[in-house]
Amino acid sequence: MAAPVLILEETDSTNAEARRRAEAGEAGPLWIAARRQTAGRGRRGRAWDSRDGNLSTTLLLTLNRAPAAAAKRTLAAARAGADRLDRSVPP
């Protein structure tokens, strides 16, 4: 099942955009991509440097699972995405 993709020219953070949408009731799945982030953040609130031309995305996806199980899915999805990029993007 392919998730729709929302491409933004600029946002503060794709993660923050996903949170706002989730708090408004959106469940996903929805990929949120931005050509530029002005206040990106990584795990544990760390700053995320997102320069023009970088790939900045967040997947909004609601799972009815315990947090530990959801974390495993996040890691598996990140690995699958990295593998796909390795096959699709020239070095």
PDB file of N, CA and C in Angstrom:
ATOM      1  N   MET A   1       0.845  -1.174   0.000  1.00  0.00           N
ATOM      2  CA  MET A   1       0.000   0.000   0.000  1.00  0.00           C
ATOM      3  C   MET A   1       0.891   1.237   0.000  1.00  0.00           C
ATOM      4  N   ALA A   2       0.752   2.057  -0.979  1.00  0.00           N
ATOM      5  CA  ALA A   2       1.545   3.280  -1.073  1.00  0.00           C
ATOM      6  C   ALA A   2       0.858   4.391  -0.284  1.00  0.00           C
ATOM      7  N   ALA A   3       1.650   5.108   0.485  1.00  0.00           N
ATOM      8  CA  ALA A   3       1.118   6.232   1.253  1.00  0.00           C
ATOM      9  C   ALA A   3       1.214   7.500   0.412  1.00  0.00           C
ATOM     10  N   PRO A   4       0.236   8.391   0.524  1.00  0.00           N
ATOM     11  CA  PRO A   4       0.335   9.662  -0.181  1.00  0.00           C
ATOM     12  C   PRO A   4       1.530  10.466   0.328  1.00  0.00           C
ATOM     13  N   VAL A   5       2.017  11.361  -0.514  1.00  0.00           N
ATOM     14  CA  VAL A   5       3.172  12.190  -0.169  1.00  0.00           C
ATOM     15  C   VAL A   5       2.763  13.655  -0.235  1.00  0.00           C
ATOM     16  N   LEU A   6       3.010  14.367   0.847  1.00  0.00           N
ATOM     17  CA  LEU A   6       2.798  15.809   0.902  1.00  0.00           C
ATOM     18  C   LEU A   6       4.174  16.452   0.796  1.00  0.00           C
ATOM     19  N   ILE A   7       4.401  17.261  -0.241  1.00  0.00           N
ATOM     20  CA  ILE A   7       5.693  17.921  -0.423  1.00  0.00           C
ATOM     21  C   ILE A   7       5.523  19.405  -0.123  1.00  0.00           C
ATOM     22  N   LEU A   8       6.253  19.868   0.871  1.00  0.00           N
ATOM     23  CA  LEU A   8       6.209  21.270   1.283  1.00  0.00           C
ATOM     24  C   LEU A   8       7.471  21.978   0.806  1.00  0.00           C
ATOM     25  N   GLU A   9       7.331  23.195   0.357  1.00  0.00           N
ATOM     26  CA  GLU A   9       8.519  23.978  -0.005  1.00  0.00           C
ATOM     27  C   GLU A   9       9.359  24.236   1.237  1.00  0.00           C
ATOM     28  N   GLU A  10       8.690  24.603   2.330  1.00  0.00           N
ATOM     29  CA  GLU A  10       9.406  24.913   3.569  1.00  0.00           C
ATOM     30  C   GLU A  10       8.504  24.610   4.753  1.00  0.00           C
ATOM     31  N   THR A  11       9.087  24.124   5.822  1.00  0.00           N
ATOM     32  CA  THR A  11       8.380  23.906   7.077  1.00  0.00           C
ATOM     33  C   THR A  11       9.372  24.056   8.213  1.00  0.00           C
ATOM     34  N   ASP A  12       8.856  24.248   9.411  1.00  0.00           N
ATOM     35  CA  ASP A  12       9.765  24.290  10.543  1.00  0.00           C
ATOM     36  C   ASP A  12      10.408  22.919  10.730  1.00  0.00           C
ATOM     37  N   SER A  13       9.591  21.871  10.675  1.00  0.00           N
ATOM     38  CA  SER A  13      10.077  20.509  10.883  1.00  0.00           C
ATOM     39  C   SER A  13       9.035  19.544  10.336  1.00  0.00           C
ATOM     40  N   THR A  14       9.457  18.557   9.562  1.00  0.00           N
ATOM     41  CA  THR A  14       8.497  17.562   9.077  1.00  0.00           C
ATOM     42  C   THR A  14       7.925  16.782  10.257  1.00  0.00           C
ATOM     43  N   ASN A  15       8.735  16.570  11.286  1.00  0.00           N
ATOM     44  CA  ASN A  15       8.271  15.877  12.485  1.00  0.00           C
ATOM     45  C   ASN A  15       7.197  16.700  13.194  1.00  0.00           C
ATOM     46  N   ALA A  16       7.431  17.996  13.335  1.00  0.00           N
ATOM     47  CA  ALA A  16       6.445  18.869  13.975  1.00  0.00           C
ATOM     48  C   ALA A  16       5.168  18.944  13.144  1.00  0.00           C
ATOM     49  N   GLU A  17       5.300  18.959  11.826  1.00  0.00           N
ATOM     50  CA  GLU A  17       4.125  18.968  10.946  1.00  0.00           C
ATOM     51  C   GLU A  17       3.310  17.692  11.136  1.00  0.00           C
ATOM     52  N   ALA A  18       3.992  16.559  11.230  1.00  0.00           N
ATOM     53  CA  ALA A  18       3.298  15.289  11.462  1.00  0.00           C
ATOM     54  C   ALA A  18       2.585  15.309  12.815  1.00  0.00           C
ATOM     55  N   ARG A  19       3.243  15.834  13.830  1.00  0.00           N
ATOM     56  CA  ARG A  19       2.623  15.914  15.161  1.00  0.00           C
ATOM     57  C   ARG A  19       1.369  16.795  15.121  1.00  0.00           C
ATOM     58  N   ARG A  20       1.461  17.951  14.459  1.00  0.00           N
ATOM     59  CA  ARG A  20       0.293  18.839  14.364  1.00  0.00           C
ATOM     60  C   ARG A  20      -0.865  18.124  13.672  1.00  0.00           C
ATOM     61  N   ARG A  21      -0.565  17.423  12.607  1.00  0.00           N
ATOM     62  CA  ARG A  21      -1.612  16.711  11.872  1.00  0.00           C
ATOM     63  C   ARG A  21      -2.205  15.579  12.712  1.00  0.00           C
ATOM     64  N   ALA A  22      -1.360  14.856  13.443  1.00  0.00           N
ATOM     65  CA  ALA A  22      -1.846  13.778  14.311  1.00  0.00           C
ATOM     66  C   ALA A  22      -2.730  14.342  15.422  1.00  0.00           C
ATOM     67  N   GLU A  23      -2.314  15.454  16.009  1.00  0.00           N
ATOM     68  CA  GLU A  23      -3.115  16.085  17.066  1.00  0.00           C
ATOM     69  C   GLU A  23      -4.443  16.606  16.536  1.00  0.00           C
ATOM     70  N   ALA A  24      -4.504  16.899  15.230  1.00  0.00           N
ATOM     71  CA  ALA A  24      -5.749  17.350  14.600  1.00  0.00           C
ATOM     72  C   ALA A  24      -6.620  16.169  14.165  1.00  0.00           C
ATOM     73  N   GLY A  25      -6.135  14.940  14.402  1.00  0.00           N
ATOM     74  CA  GLY A  25      -6.937  13.757  14.112  1.00  0.00           C
ATOM     75  C   GLY A  25      -6.524  12.949  12.904  1.00  0.00           C
ATOM     76  N   GLU A  26      -5.529  13.407  12.161  1.00  0.00           N
ATOM     77  CA  GLU A  26      -5.083  12.641  10.993  1.00  0.00           C
ATOM     78  C   GLU A  26      -4.308  11.406  11.467  1.00  0.00           C
ATOM     79  N   ALA A  27      -4.609  10.241  10.877  1.00  0.00           N
ATOM     80  CA  ALA A  27      -3.971   8.996  11.307  1.00  0.00           C
ATOM     81  C   ALA A  27      -2.919   8.497  10.328  1.00  0.00           C
ATOM     82  N   GLY A  28      -2.921   9.025   9.110  1.00  0.00           N
ATOM     83  CA  GLY A  28      -1.985   8.524   8.110  1.00  0.00           C
ATOM     84  C   GLY A  28      -2.512   7.235   7.509  1.00  0.00           C
ATOM     85  N   PRO A  29      -1.719   6.577   6.718  1.00  0.00           N
ATOM     86  CA  PRO A  29      -0.323   6.887   6.447  1.00  0.00           C
ATOM     87  C   PRO A  29      -0.176   8.100   5.528  1.00  0.00           C
ATOM     88  N   LEU A  30       0.840   8.898   5.816  1.00  0.00           N
ATOM     89  CA  LEU A  30       1.153  10.079   5.020  1.00  0.00           C
ATOM     90  C   LEU A  30       2.638  10.385   5.149  1.00  0.00           C
ATOM     91  N   TRP A  31       3.315  10.443   4.007  1.00  0.00           N
ATOM     92  CA  TRP A  31       4.705  10.912   3.990  1.00  0.00           C
ATOM     93  C   TRP A  31       4.674  12.423   3.911  1.00  0.00           C
ATOM     94  N   ILE A  32       5.439  13.080   4.765  1.00  0.00           N
ATOM     95  CA  ILE A  32       5.572  14.532   4.745  1.00  0.00           C
ATOM     96  C   ILE A  32       7.020  14.831   4.382  1.00  0.00           C
ATOM     97  N   ALA A  33       7.204  15.524   3.268  1.00  0.00           N
ATOM     98  CA  ALA A  33       8.549  15.856   2.793  1.00  0.00           C
ATOM     99  C   ALA A  33       8.668  17.370   2.686  1.00  0.00           C
ATOM    100  N   ALA A  34       9.867  17.868   2.902  1.00  0.00           N
ATOM    101  CA  ALA A  34      10.108  19.307   2.785  1.00  0.00           C
ATOM    102  C   ALA A  34      11.387  19.548   2.009  1.00  0.00           C
ATOM    103  N   ARG A  35      11.332  20.526   1.138  1.00  0.00           N
ATOM    104  CA  ARG A  35      12.541  20.917   0.416  1.00  0.00           C
ATOM    105  C   ARG A  35      13.494  21.657   1.352  1.00  0.00           C
ATOM    106  N   ARG A  36      12.924  22.274   2.395  1.00  0.00           N
ATOM    107  CA  ARG A  36      13.754  22.998   3.359  1.00  0.00           C
ATOM    108  C   ARG A  36      13.068  22.968   4.719  1.00  0.00           C
ATOM    109  N   GLN A  37      13.844  22.680   5.768  1.00  0.00           N
ATOM    110  CA  GLN A  37      13.363  22.754   7.145  1.00  0.00           C
ATOM    111  C   GLN A  37      14.089  23.897   7.846  1.00  0.00           C
ATOM    112  N   THR A  38      13.345  24.685   8.608  1.00  0.00           N
ATOM    113  CA  THR A  38      13.968  25.810   9.305  1.00  0.00           C
ATOM    114  C   THR A  38      14.286  25.500  10.764  1.00  0.00           C
ATOM    115  N   ALA A  39      13.651  24.478  11.316  1.00  0.00           N
ATOM    116  CA  ALA A  39      13.880  24.128  12.725  1.00  0.00           C
ATOM    117  C   ALA A  39      13.753  22.621  12.906  1.00  0.00           C
ATOM    118  N   GLY A  40      14.414  21.873  12.021  1.00  0.00           N
ATOM    119  CA  GLY A  40      14.345  20.419  12.113  1.00  0.00           C
ATOM    120  C   GLY A  40      14.875  19.928  13.444  1.00  0.00           C
ATOM    121  N   ARG A  41      14.366  18.777  13.864  1.00  0.00           N
ATOM    122  CA  ARG A  41      14.854  18.197  15.109  1.00  0.00           C
ATOM    123  C   ARG A  41      14.943  16.695  14.949  1.00  0.00           C
ATOM    124  N   GLY A  42      15.902  16.133  15.621  1.00  0.00           N
ATOM    125  CA  GLY A  42      16.123  14.694  15.566  1.00  0.00           C
ATOM    126  C   GLY A  42      15.570  14.020  16.807  1.00  0.00           C
ATOM    127  N   ARG A  43      16.065  12.849  17.063  1.00  0.00           N
ATOM    128  CA  ARG A  43      15.621  12.095  18.228  1.00  0.00           C
ATOM    129  C   ARG A  43      16.009  12.819  19.511  1.00  0.00           C
ATOM    130  N   ARG A  44      15.165  12.665  20.514  1.00  0.00           N
ATOM    131  CA  ARG A  44      15.381  13.253  21.836  1.00  0.00           C
ATOM    132  C   ARG A  44      15.534  14.776  21.779  1.00  0.00           C
ATOM    133  N   GLY A  45      14.890  15.401  20.788  1.00  0.00           N
ATOM    134  CA  GLY A  45      14.890  16.851  20.690  1.00  0.00           C
ATOM    135  C   GLY A  45      16.178  17.474  20.185  1.00  0.00           C
ATOM    136  N   ARG A  46      17.090  16.654  19.697  1.00  0.00           N
ATOM    137  CA  ARG A  46      18.361  17.187  19.197  1.00  0.00           C
ATOM    138  C   ARG A  46      18.125  18.005  17.926  1.00  0.00           C
ATOM    139  N   ALA A  47      18.968  19.019  17.727  1.00  0.00           N
ATOM    140  CA  ALA A  47      18.880  19.833  16.511  1.00  0.00           C
ATOM    141  C   ALA A  47      19.207  18.972  15.299  1.00  0.00           C
ATOM    142  N   TRP A  48      18.557  19.273  14.195  1.00  0.00           N
ATOM    143  CA  TRP A  48      18.748  18.516  12.961  1.00  0.00           C
ATOM    144  C   TRP A  48      19.093  19.503  11.867  1.00  0.00           C
ATOM    145  N   ASP A  49      20.299  19.404  11.343  1.00  0.00           N
ATOM    146  CA  ASP A  49      20.742  20.309  10.287  1.00  0.00           C
ATOM    147  C   ASP A  49      20.181  19.819   8.960  1.00  0.00           C
ATOM    148  N   SER A  50      19.348  20.626   8.342  1.00  0.00           N
ATOM    149  CA  SER A  50      18.713  20.245   7.087  1.00  0.00           C
ATOM    150  C   SER A  50      18.975  21.325   6.054  1.00  0.00           C
ATOM    151  N   ARG A  51      20.005  21.137   5.291  1.00  0.00           N
ATOM    152  CA  ARG A  51      20.372  22.117   4.265  1.00  0.00           C
ATOM    153  C   ARG A  51      19.532  21.925   3.010  1.00  0.00           C
ATOM    154  N   ASP A  52      19.494  22.956   2.177  1.00  0.00           N
ATOM    155  CA  ASP A  52      18.781  22.858   0.905  1.00  0.00           C
ATOM    156  C   ASP A  52      19.328  21.674   0.117  1.00  0.00           C
ATOM    157  N   GLY A  53      18.427  20.890  -0.456  1.00  0.00           N
ATOM    158  CA  GLY A  53      18.834  19.742  -1.255  1.00  0.00           C
ATOM    159  C   GLY A  53      18.852  18.437  -0.482  1.00  0.00           C
ATOM    160  N   ASN A  54      18.779  18.496   0.854  1.00  0.00           N
ATOM    161  CA  ASN A  54      18.723  17.271   1.645  1.00  0.00           C
ATOM    162  C   ASN A  54      17.328  16.668   1.561  1.00  0.00           C
ATOM    163  N   LEU A  55      17.236  15.392   1.861  1.00  0.00           N
ATOM    164  CA  LEU A  55      15.946  14.715   1.920  1.00  0.00           C
ATOM    165  C   LEU A  55      15.446  14.783   3.352  1.00  0.00           C
ATOM    166  N   SER A  56      14.355  15.483   3.580  1.00  0.00           N
ATOM    167  CA  SER A  56      13.766  15.625   4.913  1.00  0.00           C
ATOM    168  C   SER A  56      12.352  15.085   4.855  1.00  0.00           C
ATOM    169  N   THR A  57      12.120  13.958   5.509  1.00  0.00           N
ATOM    170  CA  THR A  57      10.794  13.344   5.480  1.00  0.00           C
ATOM    171  C   THR A  57      10.414  12.794   6.843  1.00  0.00           C
ATOM    172  N   THR A  58       9.126  12.675   7.041  1.00  0.00           N
ATOM    173  CA  THR A  58       8.560  12.022   8.214  1.00  0.00           C
ATOM    174  C   THR A  58       7.360  11.223   7.735  1.00  0.00           C
ATOM    175  N   LEU A  59       7.203  10.023   8.259  1.00  0.00           N
ATOM    176  CA  LEU A  59       6.031   9.205   7.954  1.00  0.00           C
ATOM    177  C   LEU A  59       5.065   9.291   9.119  1.00  0.00           C
ATOM    178  N   LEU A  60       3.872   9.805   8.851  1.00  0.00           N
ATOM    179  CA  LEU A  60       2.802   9.815   9.839  1.00  0.00           C
ATOM    180  C   LEU A  60       2.057   8.499   9.683  1.00  0.00           C
ATOM    181  N   LEU A  61       2.100   7.688  10.721  1.00  0.00           N
ATOM    182  CA  LEU A  61       1.488   6.364  10.674  1.00  0.00           C
ATOM    183  C   LEU A  61       1.019   6.009  12.071  1.00  0.00           C
ATOM    184  N   THR A  62      -0.240   5.680  12.212  1.00  0.00           N
ATOM    185  CA  THR A  62      -0.787   5.304  13.504  1.00  0.00           C
ATOM    186  C   THR A  62      -0.815   3.787  13.609  1.00  0.00           C
ATOM    187  N   LEU A  63      -0.155   3.269  14.639  1.00  0.00           N
ATOM    188  CA  LEU A  63      -0.131   1.830  14.895  1.00  0.00           C
ATOM    189  C   LEU A  63      -0.768   1.563  16.249  1.00  0.00           C
ATOM    190  N   ASN A  64      -1.579   0.554  16.320  1.00  0.00           N
ATOM    191  CA  ASN A  64      -2.167   0.169  17.597  1.00  0.00           C
ATOM    192  C   ASN A  64      -1.272  -0.873  18.250  1.00  0.00           C
ATOM    193  N   ARG A  65      -0.093  -0.434  18.674  1.00  0.00           N
ATOM    194  CA  ARG A  65       0.896  -1.319  19.277  1.00  0.00           C
ATOM    195  C   ARG A  65       1.526  -0.622  20.479  1.00  0.00           C
ATOM    196  N   ALA A  66       2.156  -1.434  21.307  1.00  0.00           N
ATOM    197  CA  ALA A  66       2.899  -0.893  22.447  1.00  0.00           C
ATOM    198  C   ALA A  66       4.074  -0.069  21.926  1.00  0.00           C
ATOM    199  N   PRO A  67       4.517   0.944  22.681  1.00  0.00           N
ATOM    200  CA  PRO A  67       5.637   1.779  22.219  1.00  0.00           C
ATOM    201  C   PRO A  67       6.885   0.984  21.827  1.00  0.00           C
ATOM    202  N   ALA A  68       7.234  -0.057  22.560  1.00  0.00           N
ATOM    203  CA  ALA A  68       8.434  -0.841  22.227  1.00  0.00           C
ATOM    204  C   ALA A  68       8.281  -1.516  20.868  1.00  0.00           C
ATOM    205  N   ALA A  69       7.100  -2.041  20.583  1.00  0.00           N
ATOM    206  CA  ALA A  69       6.857  -2.689  19.288  1.00  0.00           C
ATOM    207  C   ALA A  69       6.876  -1.650  18.167  1.00  0.00           C
ATOM    208  N   ALA A  70       6.321  -0.476  18.424  1.00  0.00           N
ATOM    209  CA  ALA A  70       6.333   0.591  17.416  1.00  0.00           C
ATOM    210  C   ALA A  70       7.764   1.039  17.131  1.00  0.00           C
ATOM    211  N   ALA A  71       8.602   1.095  18.162  1.00  0.00           N
ATOM    212  CA  ALA A  71      10.005   1.498  17.973  1.00  0.00           C
ATOM    213  C   ALA A  71      10.730   0.511  17.064  1.00  0.00           C
ATOM    214  N   LYS A  72      10.446  -0.772  17.204  1.00  0.00           N
ATOM    215  CA  LYS A  72      11.063  -1.782  16.334  1.00  0.00           C
ATOM    216  C   LYS A  72      10.635  -1.568  14.887  1.00  0.00           C
ATOM    217  N   ARG A  73       9.387  -1.233  14.697  1.00  0.00           N
ATOM    218  CA  ARG A  73       8.905  -0.973  13.332  1.00  0.00           C
ATOM    219  C   ARG A  73       9.581   0.252  12.737  1.00  0.00           C
ATOM    220  N   THR A  74       9.795   1.272  13.554  1.00  0.00           N
ATOM    221  CA  THR A  74      10.473   2.481  13.086  1.00  0.00           C
ATOM    222  C   THR A  74      11.872   2.150  12.600  1.00  0.00           C
ATOM    223  N   LEU A  75      12.596   1.355  13.380  1.00  0.00           N
ATOM    224  CA  LEU A  75      13.950   0.959  13.001  1.00  0.00           C
ATOM    225  C   LEU A  75      13.929   0.135  11.714  1.00  0.00           C
ATOM    226  N   ALA A  76      12.994  -0.798  11.609  1.00  0.00           N
ATOM    227  CA  ALA A  76      12.896  -1.626  10.403  1.00  0.00           C
ATOM    228  C   ALA A  76      12.554  -0.769   9.178  1.00  0.00           C
ATOM    229  N   ALA A  77      11.666   0.195   9.351  1.00  0.00           N
ATOM    230  CA  ALA A  77      11.301   1.073   8.232  1.00  0.00           C
ATOM    231  C   ALA A  77      12.480   1.939   7.805  1.00  0.00           C
ATOM    232  N   ALA A  78      13.238   2.434   8.767  1.00  0.00           N
ATOM    233  CA  ALA A  78      14.420   3.244   8.437  1.00  0.00           C
ATOM    234  C   ALA A  78      15.438   2.417   7.666  1.00  0.00           C
ATOM    235  N   ARG A  79      15.633   1.183   8.091  1.00  0.00           N
ATOM    236  CA  ARG A  79      16.584   0.306   7.406  1.00  0.00           C
ATOM    237  C   ARG A  79      16.111   0.013   5.979  1.00  0.00           C
ATOM    238  N   ALA A  80      14.821  -0.253   5.823  1.00  0.00           N
ATOM    239  CA  ALA A  80      14.278  -0.526   4.491  1.00  0.00           C
ATOM    240  C   ALA A  80      14.430   0.699   3.588  1.00  0.00           C
ATOM    241  N   GLY A  81      14.191   1.883   4.138  1.00  0.00           N
ATOM    242  CA  GLY A  81      14.367   3.106   3.360  1.00  0.00           C
ATOM    243  C   GLY A  81      15.809   3.315   2.941  1.00  0.00           C
ATOM    244  N   ALA A  82      16.731   3.061   3.860  1.00  0.00           N
ATOM    245  CA  ALA A  82      18.159   3.199   3.544  1.00  0.00           C
ATOM    246  C   ALA A  82      18.577   2.202   2.469  1.00  0.00           C
ATOM    247  N   ASP A  83      18.095   0.971   2.581  1.00  0.00           N
ATOM    248  CA  ASP A  83      18.415  -0.044   1.568  1.00  0.00           C
ATOM    249  C   ASP A  83      17.890   0.373   0.200  1.00  0.00           C
ATOM    250  N   ARG A  84      16.686   0.899   0.165  1.00  0.00           N
ATOM    251  CA  ARG A  84      16.082   1.337  -1.096  1.00  0.00           C
ATOM    252  C   ARG A  84      16.893   2.483  -1.712  1.00  0.00           C
ATOM    253  N   LEU A  85      17.293   3.431  -0.892  1.00  0.00           N
ATOM    254  CA  LEU A  85      18.104   4.538  -1.401  1.00  0.00           C
ATOM    255  C   LEU A  85      19.448   4.046  -1.917  1.00  0.00           C
ATOM    256  N   ASP A  86      20.039   3.079  -1.224  1.00  0.00           N
ATOM    257  CA  ASP A  86      21.311   2.508  -1.687  1.00  0.00           C
ATOM    258  C   ASP A  86      21.179   1.926  -3.088  1.00  0.00           C
ATOM    259  N   ARG A  87      20.018   1.331  -3.378  1.00  0.00           N
ATOM    260  CA  ARG A  87      19.799   0.720  -4.694  1.00  0.00           C
ATOM    261  C   ARG A  87      19.397   1.747  -5.748  1.00  0.00           C
ATOM    262  N   SER A  88      18.854   2.880  -5.327  1.00  0.00           N
ATOM    263  CA  SER A  88      18.277   3.835  -6.272  1.00  0.00           C
ATOM    264  C   SER A  88      19.127   5.059  -6.568  1.00  0.00           C
ATOM    265  N   VAL A  89      19.988   5.423  -5.645  1.00  0.00           N
ATOM    266  CA  VAL A  89      20.748   6.666  -5.783  1.00  0.00           C
ATOM    267  C   VAL A  89      22.205   6.343  -6.065  1.00  0.00           C
ATOM    268  N   PRO A  90      22.763   6.900  -7.133  1.00  0.00           N
ATOM    269  CA  PRO A  90      24.177   6.637  -7.413  1.00  0.00           C
ATOM    270  C   PRO A  90      25.067   7.202  -6.305  1.00  0.00           C
ATOM    271  N   PRO A  91      26.209   6.544  -6.058  1.00  0.00           N
ATOM    272  CA  PRO A  91      27.106   7.019  -4.990  1.00  0.00           C
ATOM    273  C   PRO A  91      27.681   8.394  -5.273  1.00  0.00           C
TER     274      PRO A  91
END
